[in-house]
Amino acid sequence: MADKKLILEEISEEEGIAWITFNRPEKKNAFSRALIAELIDSLEALKDNEKIRCIVTTGAGDSYSSGRDLYDMRQAPEAGRGRADLANAEVVRLLRSCPQITIAAVKGYCLGGGLAVINGHDLAIAAETAQIGMPEIIRGSYGATATPTLFHSGIPLKKAFYIQLTGRNLSGVEAERVGLVSIAVPEKDLMPFVRELAREIASRSPVALEHAKLAAYMEKDMEFDMALRADDWVSHRMRYRTNPLSDVEGYMKSQKGGGSLDYVKPERKDQ
């Protein structure tokens, strides 16, 4: 079992989508140091792949991830210094900083370190039956890495404290209600929904996707006037790589009779 791959990749450059599956179903995909190392390597490679526009993560078996593998953490050389979560933080940083749009497809348990990871994604789609939470307080911790991602997730402060301090899980429906995930769908519909969403996003201009993500994360915590200035800079940067007005006629024609998601902007070298 030593050569078992803990991260499974399904990469379609033609579709522009990369699927990453955590592959420890017998442990509810608990994040061991080895799994995290493979995940970091995978994300490092994908972020430089210009043919990939969307990255989707999910878990093998019946769960997304039960969080950090506590037995594995206890054996880590740095555990006594409280630094065993730095690798998990690196995963979140990579998800936030990569130019691709990232989607978490969440089913079953998504706890602790798993919650930190989905908070690092741009979109999170949950099964209505998913169980999402931070049980660290129960075992005598507060949830390193999960805490900053939770309190920067944009959900109300008292909701965040409820999740952190009680250790109780939220269902996918409850997580959607408080804004912790983008949307909750019936469990049987989860993967078809995410596949269609990934295809839709991957059909868009990679330059527009990258700059939409850059603008959002740069501007969300700024004062409004500063956010407007930053937005002008991002817009100026984008125009060095594409012309958003190059196909007005095609776009307008596609929208006749009401809004449509089917329009795909033609890629041109002179954009």
C-alpha atoms as a PDB file:
ATOM      1  CA  MET A   1       0.000   0.000   0.000  1.00  0.00           C
ATOM      2  CA  ALA A   2       3.065   2.257   0.248  1.00  0.00           C
ATOM      3  CA  ASP A   3       2.796   3.180  -3.430  1.00  0.00           C
ATOM      4  CA  LYS A   4      -0.918   4.019  -3.279  1.00  0.00           C
ATOM      5  CA  LYS A   5      -1.670   7.402  -4.787  1.00  0.00           C
ATOM      6  CA  LEU A   6      -3.367   9.599  -2.214  1.00  0.00           C
ATOM      7  CA  ILE A   7      -4.344  12.198  -4.818  1.00  0.00           C
ATOM      8  CA  LEU A   8      -6.086  11.073  -7.999  1.00  0.00           C
ATOM      9  CA  GLU A   9      -6.031  13.467 -10.956  1.00  0.00           C
ATOM     10  CA  GLU A  10      -8.312  13.592 -13.971  1.00  0.00           C
ATOM     11  CA  ILE A  11      -7.059  16.347 -16.249  1.00  0.00           C
ATOM     12  CA  SER A  12      -8.842  17.355 -19.443  1.00  0.00           C
ATOM     13  CA  GLU A  13      -7.001  20.149 -21.218  1.00  0.00           C
ATOM     14  CA  GLU A  14      -9.600  19.980 -23.988  1.00  0.00           C
ATOM     15  CA  GLU A  15     -12.392  20.844 -21.516  1.00  0.00           C
ATOM     16  CA  GLY A  16     -10.108  23.029 -19.404  1.00  0.00           C
ATOM     17  CA  ILE A  17     -10.993  21.159 -16.200  1.00  0.00           C
ATOM     18  CA  ALA A  18      -8.842  19.320 -13.659  1.00  0.00           C
ATOM     19  CA  TRP A  19     -10.437  16.993 -11.095  1.00  0.00           C
ATOM     20  CA  ILE A  20      -8.527  16.261  -7.886  1.00  0.00           C
ATOM     21  CA  THR A  21      -9.819  13.438  -5.681  1.00  0.00           C
ATOM     22  CA  PHE A  22      -8.578  12.796  -2.141  1.00  0.00           C
ATOM     23  CA  ASN A  23      -8.000   9.057  -2.041  1.00  0.00           C
ATOM     24  CA  ARG A  24      -8.125   7.780   1.537  1.00  0.00           C
ATOM     25  CA  PRO A  25     -11.764   6.636   1.659  1.00  0.00           C
ATOM     26  CA  GLU A  26     -11.005   4.132   4.434  1.00  0.00           C
ATOM     27  CA  LYS A  27     -10.027   7.135   6.621  1.00  0.00           C
ATOM     28  CA  LYS A  28     -12.799   9.443   5.385  1.00  0.00           C
ATOM     29  CA  ASN A  29     -10.025  11.160   3.376  1.00  0.00           C
ATOM     30  CA  ALA A  30      -8.267  12.453   6.472  1.00  0.00           C
ATOM     31  CA  PHE A  31      -5.367  14.685   5.474  1.00  0.00           C
ATOM     32  CA  SER A  32      -2.095  12.958   6.302  1.00  0.00           C
ATOM     33  CA  ARG A  33       1.206  14.706   5.694  1.00  0.00           C
ATOM     34  CA  ALA A  34       1.731  12.472   2.666  1.00  0.00           C
ATOM     35  CA  LEU A  35      -1.669  13.344   1.182  1.00  0.00           C
ATOM     36  CA  ILE A  36      -1.095  17.062   1.711  1.00  0.00           C
ATOM     37  CA  ALA A  37       2.335  16.829   0.073  1.00  0.00           C
ATOM     38  CA  GLU A  38       0.785  15.171  -2.993  1.00  0.00           C
ATOM     39  CA  LEU A  39      -1.997  17.766  -3.053  1.00  0.00           C
ATOM     40  CA  ILE A  40       0.491  20.646  -2.933  1.00  0.00           C
ATOM     41  CA  ASP A  41       2.492  19.096  -5.790  1.00  0.00           C
ATOM     42  CA  SER A  42      -0.696  18.694  -7.825  1.00  0.00           C
ATOM     43  CA  LEU A  43      -1.815  22.296  -7.276  1.00  0.00           C
ATOM     44  CA  GLU A  44       1.669  23.667  -7.977  1.00  0.00           C
ATOM     45  CA  ALA A  45       1.680  21.916 -11.356  1.00  0.00           C
ATOM     46  CA  LEU A  46      -1.880  22.879 -12.267  1.00  0.00           C
ATOM     47  CA  LYS A  47      -1.553  26.580 -11.467  1.00  0.00           C
ATOM     48  CA  ASP A  48       1.012  26.928 -14.255  1.00  0.00           C
ATOM     49  CA  ASN A  49      -1.083  25.003 -16.793  1.00  0.00           C
ATOM     50  CA  GLU A  50      -2.657  27.688 -18.983  1.00  0.00           C
ATOM     51  CA  LYS A  51      -5.012  25.163 -20.587  1.00  0.00           C
ATOM     52  CA  ILE A  52      -6.772  24.516 -17.267  1.00  0.00           C
ATOM     53  CA  ARG A  53      -9.433  27.061 -16.310  1.00  0.00           C
ATOM     54  CA  CYS A  54     -11.234  25.243 -13.492  1.00  0.00           C
ATOM     55  CA  ILE A  55      -9.997  22.948 -10.704  1.00  0.00           C
ATOM     56  CA  VAL A  56     -12.487  20.740  -8.843  1.00  0.00           C
ATOM     57  CA  THR A  57     -11.688  18.885  -5.618  1.00  0.00           C
ATOM     58  CA  THR A  58     -13.712  16.073  -4.078  1.00  0.00           C
ATOM     59  CA  GLY A  59     -13.245  13.005  -1.906  1.00  0.00           C
ATOM     60  CA  ALA A  60     -13.291   9.312  -2.739  1.00  0.00           C
ATOM     61  CA  GLY A  61     -15.934   7.231  -0.999  1.00  0.00           C
ATOM     62  CA  ASP A  62     -18.645   8.835   1.091  1.00  0.00           C
ATOM     63  CA  SER A  63     -16.882  11.945   2.445  1.00  0.00           C
ATOM     64  CA  TYR A  64     -15.009  15.035   1.335  1.00  0.00           C
ATOM     65  CA  SER A  65     -12.540  14.972   4.243  1.00  0.00           C
ATOM     66  CA  SER A  66     -12.733  14.333   7.969  1.00  0.00           C
ATOM     67  CA  GLY A  67      -9.916  16.848   8.447  1.00  0.00           C
ATOM     68  CA  ARG A  68      -6.311  16.402   9.517  1.00  0.00           C
ATOM     69  CA  ASP A  69      -5.218  12.882  10.431  1.00  0.00           C
ATOM     70  CA  LEU A  70      -4.669  13.347  14.170  1.00  0.00           C
ATOM     71  CA  TYR A  71      -2.492  10.252  14.581  1.00  0.00           C
ATOM     72  CA  ASP A  72      -0.310  11.450  11.720  1.00  0.00           C
ATOM     73  CA  MET A  73      -0.130  14.966  13.191  1.00  0.00           C
ATOM     74  CA  ARG A  74       0.958  13.594  16.572  1.00  0.00           C
ATOM     75  CA  GLN A  75       3.878  11.821  14.912  1.00  0.00           C
ATOM     76  CA  ALA A  76       5.060  14.914  13.028  1.00  0.00           C
ATOM     77  CA  PRO A  77       8.438  16.265  14.206  1.00  0.00           C
ATOM     78  CA  GLU A  78       7.005  19.794  14.429  1.00  0.00           C
ATOM     79  CA  ALA A  79       3.865  18.782  16.360  1.00  0.00           C
ATOM     80  CA  GLY A  80       5.270  19.869  19.715  1.00  0.00           C
ATOM     81  CA  ARG A  81       5.919  23.355  18.388  1.00  0.00           C
ATOM     82  CA  GLY A  82       2.367  23.748  17.127  1.00  0.00           C
ATOM     83  CA  ARG A  83       3.439  23.978  13.473  1.00  0.00           C
ATOM     84  CA  ALA A  84       1.771  20.846  12.098  1.00  0.00           C
ATOM     85  CA  ASP A  85      -0.882  22.904  10.273  1.00  0.00           C
ATOM     86  CA  LEU A  86       1.483  24.948   8.119  1.00  0.00           C
ATOM     87  CA  ALA A  87       1.146  22.513   5.210  1.00  0.00           C
ATOM     88  CA  ASN A  88      -2.646  22.797   5.349  1.00  0.00           C
ATOM     89  CA  ALA A  89      -2.292  26.576   5.223  1.00  0.00           C
ATOM     90  CA  GLU A  90      -0.137  26.202   2.110  1.00  0.00           C
ATOM     91  CA  VAL A  91      -2.959  24.287   0.398  1.00  0.00           C
ATOM     92  CA  VAL A  92      -5.375  27.142   1.158  1.00  0.00           C
ATOM     93  CA  ARG A  93      -2.860  29.706  -0.093  1.00  0.00           C
ATOM     94  CA  LEU A  94      -2.384  27.831  -3.365  1.00  0.00           C
ATOM     95  CA  LEU A  95      -6.141  27.513  -3.930  1.00  0.00           C
ATOM     96  CA  ARG A  96      -6.618  31.239  -3.377  1.00  0.00           C
ATOM     97  CA  SER A  97      -3.642  32.368  -5.457  1.00  0.00           C
ATOM     98  CA  CYS A  98      -3.911  30.086  -8.496  1.00  0.00           C
ATOM     99  CA  PRO A  99      -5.392  31.775 -11.596  1.00  0.00           C
ATOM    100  CA  GLN A 100      -7.955  29.004 -12.121  1.00  0.00           C
ATOM    101  CA  ILE A 101     -11.416  29.025 -10.558  1.00  0.00           C
ATOM    102  CA  THR A 102     -11.599  26.377  -7.834  1.00  0.00           C
ATOM    103  CA  ILE A 103     -14.702  24.380  -6.872  1.00  0.00           C
ATOM    104  CA  ALA A 104     -15.129  22.042  -3.904  1.00  0.00           C
ATOM    105  CA  ALA A 105     -17.699  19.250  -4.345  1.00  0.00           C
ATOM    106  CA  VAL A 106     -18.617  18.432  -0.747  1.00  0.00           C
ATOM    107  CA  LYS A 107     -20.350  15.281   0.429  1.00  0.00           C
ATOM    108  CA  GLY A 108     -20.425  13.441   3.733  1.00  0.00           C
ATOM    109  CA  TYR A 109     -18.048  14.732   6.374  1.00  0.00           C
ATOM    110  CA  CYS A 110     -16.101  17.952   5.852  1.00  0.00           C
ATOM    111  CA  LEU A 111     -14.490  18.736   9.180  1.00  0.00           C
ATOM    112  CA  GLY A 112     -11.661  20.830  10.614  1.00  0.00           C
ATOM    113  CA  GLY A 113      -8.887  20.855   8.049  1.00  0.00           C
ATOM    114  CA  GLY A 114     -11.440  19.863   5.412  1.00  0.00           C
ATOM    115  CA  LEU A 115     -13.452  22.987   6.237  1.00  0.00           C
ATOM    116  CA  ALA A 116     -10.276  25.068   5.944  1.00  0.00           C
ATOM    117  CA  VAL A 117      -9.677  23.634   2.482  1.00  0.00           C
ATOM    118  CA  ILE A 118     -13.201  24.317   1.168  1.00  0.00           C
ATOM    119  CA  ASN A 119     -12.936  27.860   2.555  1.00  0.00           C
ATOM    120  CA  GLY A 120      -9.887  28.233   0.309  1.00  0.00           C
ATOM    121  CA  HIS A 121     -11.980  27.503  -2.791  1.00  0.00           C
ATOM    122  CA  ASP A 122     -13.775  30.139  -4.819  1.00  0.00           C
ATOM    123  CA  LEU A 123     -16.957  28.038  -4.960  1.00  0.00           C
ATOM    124  CA  ALA A 124     -18.215  25.232  -2.732  1.00  0.00           C
ATOM    125  CA  ILE A 125     -21.147  23.031  -3.726  1.00  0.00           C
ATOM    126  CA  ALA A 126     -22.442  20.789  -0.952  1.00  0.00           C
ATOM    127  CA  ALA A 127     -24.784  17.844  -0.795  1.00  0.00           C
ATOM    128  CA  GLU A 128     -27.767  18.718   1.385  1.00  0.00           C
ATOM    129  CA  THR A 129     -26.779  15.783   3.608  1.00  0.00           C
ATOM    130  CA  ALA A 130     -23.145  16.893   4.050  1.00  0.00           C
ATOM    131  CA  GLN A 131     -21.869  17.386   7.614  1.00  0.00           C
ATOM    132  CA  ILE A 132     -19.639  20.459   7.853  1.00  0.00           C
ATOM    133  CA  GLY A 133     -17.990  21.643  11.037  1.00  0.00           C
ATOM    134  CA  MET A 134     -15.024  22.257  13.340  1.00  0.00           C
ATOM    135  CA  PRO A 135     -14.801  19.636  16.108  1.00  0.00           C
ATOM    136  CA  GLU A 136     -11.383  20.848  17.334  1.00  0.00           C
ATOM    137  CA  ILE A 137     -12.809  22.631  20.380  1.00  0.00           C
ATOM    138  CA  ILE A 138     -14.112  19.272  21.645  1.00  0.00           C
ATOM    139  CA  ARG A 139     -10.622  17.743  21.740  1.00  0.00           C
ATOM    140  CA  GLY A 140      -9.051  20.821  23.315  1.00  0.00           C
ATOM    141  CA  SER A 141      -7.930  22.929  20.355  1.00  0.00           C
ATOM    142  CA  TYR A 142      -9.412  25.911  18.562  1.00  0.00           C
ATOM    143  CA  GLY A 143      -8.934  24.928  14.901  1.00  0.00           C
ATOM    144  CA  ALA A 144      -5.651  26.245  13.536  1.00  0.00           C
ATOM    145  CA  THR A 145      -5.903  27.232   9.850  1.00  0.00           C
ATOM    146  CA  ALA A 146      -9.649  26.510   9.906  1.00  0.00           C
ATOM    147  CA  THR A 147     -10.207  29.544  12.161  1.00  0.00           C
ATOM    148  CA  PRO A 148      -8.723  32.264   9.911  1.00  0.00           C
ATOM    149  CA  THR A 149     -10.405  30.792   6.847  1.00  0.00           C
ATOM    150  CA  LEU A 150     -13.738  30.649   8.700  1.00  0.00           C
ATOM    151  CA  PHE A 151     -13.577  34.199  10.036  1.00  0.00           C
ATOM    152  CA  HIS A 152     -12.527  35.494   6.613  1.00  0.00           C
ATOM    153  CA  SER A 153     -15.287  33.584   4.840  1.00  0.00           C
ATOM    154  CA  GLY A 154     -17.705  36.504   5.049  1.00  0.00           C
ATOM    155  CA  ILE A 155     -20.302  34.765   7.203  1.00  0.00           C
ATOM    156  CA  PRO A 156     -21.672  36.720  10.207  1.00  0.00           C
ATOM    157  CA  LEU A 157     -19.337  36.806  13.217  1.00  0.00           C
ATOM    158  CA  LYS A 158     -21.754  35.093  15.594  1.00  0.00           C
ATOM    159  CA  LYS A 159     -22.367  32.291  13.083  1.00  0.00           C
ATOM    160  CA  ALA A 160     -18.619  31.773  12.776  1.00  0.00           C
ATOM    161  CA  PHE A 161     -18.225  31.661  16.560  1.00  0.00           C
ATOM    162  CA  TYR A 162     -21.093  29.165  16.780  1.00  0.00           C
ATOM    163  CA  ILE A 163     -19.287  26.837  14.388  1.00  0.00           C
ATOM    164  CA  GLN A 164     -15.929  27.283  16.102  1.00  0.00           C
ATOM    165  CA  LEU A 165     -17.003  27.164  19.747  1.00  0.00           C
ATOM    166  CA  THR A 166     -19.683  24.460  19.762  1.00  0.00           C
ATOM    167  CA  GLY A 167     -18.047  21.829  17.557  1.00  0.00           C
ATOM    168  CA  ARG A 168     -21.491  21.061  16.115  1.00  0.00           C
ATOM    169  CA  ASN A 169     -21.837  20.208  12.445  1.00  0.00           C
ATOM    170  CA  LEU A 170     -23.988  22.057   9.944  1.00  0.00           C
ATOM    171  CA  SER A 171     -25.831  20.169   7.247  1.00  0.00           C
ATOM    172  CA  GLY A 172     -25.262  21.254   3.662  1.00  0.00           C
ATOM    173  CA  VAL A 173     -28.613  23.051   3.789  1.00  0.00           C
ATOM    174  CA  GLU A 174     -27.620  24.940   6.965  1.00  0.00           C
ATOM    175  CA  ALA A 175     -24.194  25.744   5.525  1.00  0.00           C
ATOM    176  CA  GLU A 176     -25.828  27.303   2.475  1.00  0.00           C
ATOM    177  CA  ARG A 177     -28.205  29.261   4.683  1.00  0.00           C
ATOM    178  CA  VAL A 178     -25.341  30.976   6.540  1.00  0.00           C
ATOM    179  CA  GLY A 179     -23.265  31.446   3.380  1.00  0.00           C
ATOM    180  CA  LEU A 180     -20.536  28.917   4.182  1.00  0.00           C
ATOM    181  CA  VAL A 181     -21.106  27.152   0.834  1.00  0.00           C
ATOM    182  CA  SER A 182     -22.320  28.524  -2.477  1.00  0.00           C
ATOM    183  CA  ILE A 183     -25.304  26.221  -2.835  1.00  0.00           C
ATOM    184  CA  ALA A 184     -26.608  22.895  -1.501  1.00  0.00           C
ATOM    185  CA  VAL A 185     -28.146  20.291  -3.799  1.00  0.00           C
ATOM    186  CA  PRO A 186     -29.615  16.809  -3.280  1.00  0.00           C
ATOM    187  CA  GLU A 187     -26.809  14.300  -2.761  1.00  0.00           C
ATOM    188  CA  LYS A 188     -27.675  12.368  -5.933  1.00  0.00           C
ATOM    189  CA  ASP A 189     -27.370  15.575  -7.963  1.00  0.00           C
ATOM    190  CA  LEU A 190     -24.063  16.762  -6.493  1.00  0.00           C
ATOM    191  CA  MET A 191     -21.587  15.455  -9.057  1.00  0.00           C
ATOM    192  CA  PRO A 192     -23.771  16.110 -12.149  1.00  0.00           C
ATOM    193  CA  PHE A 193     -24.343  19.661 -10.887  1.00  0.00           C
ATOM    194  CA  VAL A 194     -20.622  20.261 -10.278  1.00  0.00           C
ATOM    195  CA  ARG A 195     -19.648  18.775 -13.654  1.00  0.00           C
ATOM    196  CA  GLU A 196     -22.027  21.099 -15.471  1.00  0.00           C
ATOM    197  CA  LEU A 197     -20.883  24.101 -13.416  1.00  0.00           C
ATOM    198  CA  ALA A 198     -17.217  23.305 -14.090  1.00  0.00           C
ATOM    199  CA  ARG A 199     -17.877  22.991 -17.830  1.00  0.00           C
ATOM    200  CA  GLU A 200     -19.736  26.302 -17.844  1.00  0.00           C
ATOM    201  CA  ILE A 201     -16.929  28.126 -16.026  1.00  0.00           C
ATOM    202  CA  ALA A 202     -14.204  26.471 -18.114  1.00  0.00           C
ATOM    203  CA  SER A 203     -15.917  27.701 -21.302  1.00  0.00           C
ATOM    204  CA  ARG A 204     -15.217  31.326 -20.324  1.00  0.00           C
ATOM    205  CA  SER A 205     -12.181  33.437 -21.209  1.00  0.00           C
ATOM    206  CA  PRO A 206      -9.269  32.398 -18.972  1.00  0.00           C
ATOM    207  CA  VAL A 207      -8.127  36.013 -18.803  1.00  0.00           C
ATOM    208  CA  ALA A 208     -11.544  37.157 -17.598  1.00  0.00           C
ATOM    209  CA  LEU A 209     -11.681  34.342 -15.008  1.00  0.00           C
ATOM    210  CA  GLU A 210      -8.226  35.136 -13.656  1.00  0.00           C
ATOM    211  CA  HIS A 211      -8.964  38.842 -13.332  1.00  0.00           C
ATOM    212  CA  ALA A 212     -12.405  38.276 -11.803  1.00  0.00           C
ATOM    213  CA  LYS A 213     -10.714  36.231  -9.078  1.00  0.00           C
ATOM    214  CA  LEU A 214      -7.848  38.700  -8.668  1.00  0.00           C
ATOM    215  CA  ALA A 215     -10.230  41.654  -8.345  1.00  0.00           C
ATOM    216  CA  ALA A 216     -12.486  39.915  -5.816  1.00  0.00           C
ATOM    217  CA  TYR A 217      -9.763  38.832  -3.404  1.00  0.00           C
ATOM    218  CA  MET A 218      -7.805  42.067  -3.712  1.00  0.00           C
ATOM    219  CA  GLU A 219     -10.775  44.360  -3.197  1.00  0.00           C
ATOM    220  CA  LYS A 220     -13.015  42.573  -0.680  1.00  0.00           C
ATOM    221  CA  ASP A 221     -11.328  43.941   2.469  1.00  0.00           C
ATOM    222  CA  MET A 222     -10.457  47.401   1.143  1.00  0.00           C
ATOM    223  CA  GLU A 223     -12.182  50.666   1.872  1.00  0.00           C
ATOM    224  CA  PHE A 224     -14.634  51.320  -0.956  1.00  0.00           C
ATOM    225  CA  ASP A 225     -12.721  54.203  -2.540  1.00  0.00           C
ATOM    226  CA  MET A 226      -9.516  52.172  -2.485  1.00  0.00           C
ATOM    227  CA  ALA A 227     -11.356  49.173  -3.941  1.00  0.00           C
ATOM    228  CA  LEU A 228     -12.467  51.324  -6.873  1.00  0.00           C
ATOM    229  CA  ARG A 229      -8.875  52.414  -7.481  1.00  0.00           C
ATOM    230  CA  ALA A 230      -7.646  48.839  -7.276  1.00  0.00           C
ATOM    231  CA  ASP A 231     -10.395  47.768  -9.673  1.00  0.00           C
ATOM    232  CA  ASP A 232      -9.203  50.328 -12.206  1.00  0.00           C
ATOM    233  CA  TRP A 233      -5.708  48.825 -11.963  1.00  0.00           C
ATOM    234  CA  VAL A 234      -7.004  45.258 -12.422  1.00  0.00           C
ATOM    235  CA  SER A 235      -9.113  46.343 -15.414  1.00  0.00           C
ATOM    236  CA  HIS A 236      -6.104  48.058 -16.959  1.00  0.00           C
ATOM    237  CA  ARG A 237      -3.991  44.919 -16.407  1.00  0.00           C
ATOM    238  CA  MET A 238      -6.654  42.737 -18.041  1.00  0.00           C
ATOM    239  CA  ARG A 239      -6.745  44.869 -21.177  1.00  0.00           C
ATOM    240  CA  TYR A 240      -3.099  44.085 -21.859  1.00  0.00           C
ATOM    241  CA  ARG A 241      -4.156  40.473 -22.410  1.00  0.00           C
ATOM    242  CA  THR A 242      -7.649  40.642 -23.897  1.00  0.00           C
ATOM    243  CA  ASN A 243     -10.196  43.021 -25.395  1.00  0.00           C
ATOM    244  CA  PRO A 244     -13.535  42.621 -23.552  1.00  0.00           C
ATOM    245  CA  LEU A 245     -15.314  44.493 -26.380  1.00  0.00           C
ATOM    246  CA  SER A 246     -13.939  42.433 -29.281  1.00  0.00           C
ATOM    247  CA  ASP A 247     -17.169  40.487 -29.921  1.00  0.00           C
ATOM    248  CA  VAL A 248     -20.012  42.749 -28.831  1.00  0.00           C
ATOM    249  CA  GLU A 249     -22.088  41.713 -31.853  1.00  0.00           C
ATOM    250  CA  GLY A 250     -21.815  37.999 -31.104  1.00  0.00           C
ATOM    251  CA  TYR A 251     -22.579  38.512 -27.431  1.00  0.00           C
ATOM    252  CA  MET A 252     -25.629  40.706 -28.061  1.00  0.00           C
ATOM    253  CA  LYS A 253     -26.999  38.284 -30.631  1.00  0.00           C
ATOM    254  CA  SER A 254     -26.690  35.417 -28.138  1.00  0.00           C
ATOM    255  CA  GLN A 255     -28.756  37.326 -25.571  1.00  0.00           C
ATOM    256  CA  LYS A 256     -31.764  38.056 -27.797  1.00  0.00           C
ATOM    257  CA  GLY A 257     -34.975  37.022 -26.102  1.00  0.00           C
ATOM    258  CA  GLY A 258     -33.455  36.980 -22.606  1.00  0.00           C
ATOM    259  CA  GLY A 259     -30.283  36.145 -20.771  1.00  0.00           C
ATOM    260  CA  SER A 260     -28.300  33.133 -21.942  1.00  0.00           C
ATOM    261  CA  LEU A 261     -25.338  31.277 -20.444  1.00  0.00           C
ATOM    262  CA  ASP A 262     -24.517  29.582 -23.746  1.00  0.00           C
ATOM    263  CA  TYR A 263     -22.400  32.361 -25.232  1.00  0.00           C
ATOM    264  CA  VAL A 264     -18.698  31.480 -25.549  1.00  0.00           C
ATOM    265  CA  LYS A 265     -16.382  34.282 -26.538  1.00  0.00           C
ATOM    266  CA  PRO A 266     -14.202  33.403 -29.542  1.00  0.00           C
ATOM    267  CA  GLU A 267     -10.517  33.328 -28.645  1.00  0.00           C
ATOM    268  CA  ARG A 268      -8.388  35.514 -30.907  1.00  0.00           C
ATOM    269  CA  LYS A 269      -4.650  36.043 -30.933  1.00  0.00           C
ATOM    270  CA  ASP A 270      -5.089  39.783 -31.437  1.00  0.00           C
ATOM    271  CA  GLN A 271      -7.135  40.175 -28.241  1.00  0.00           C
END
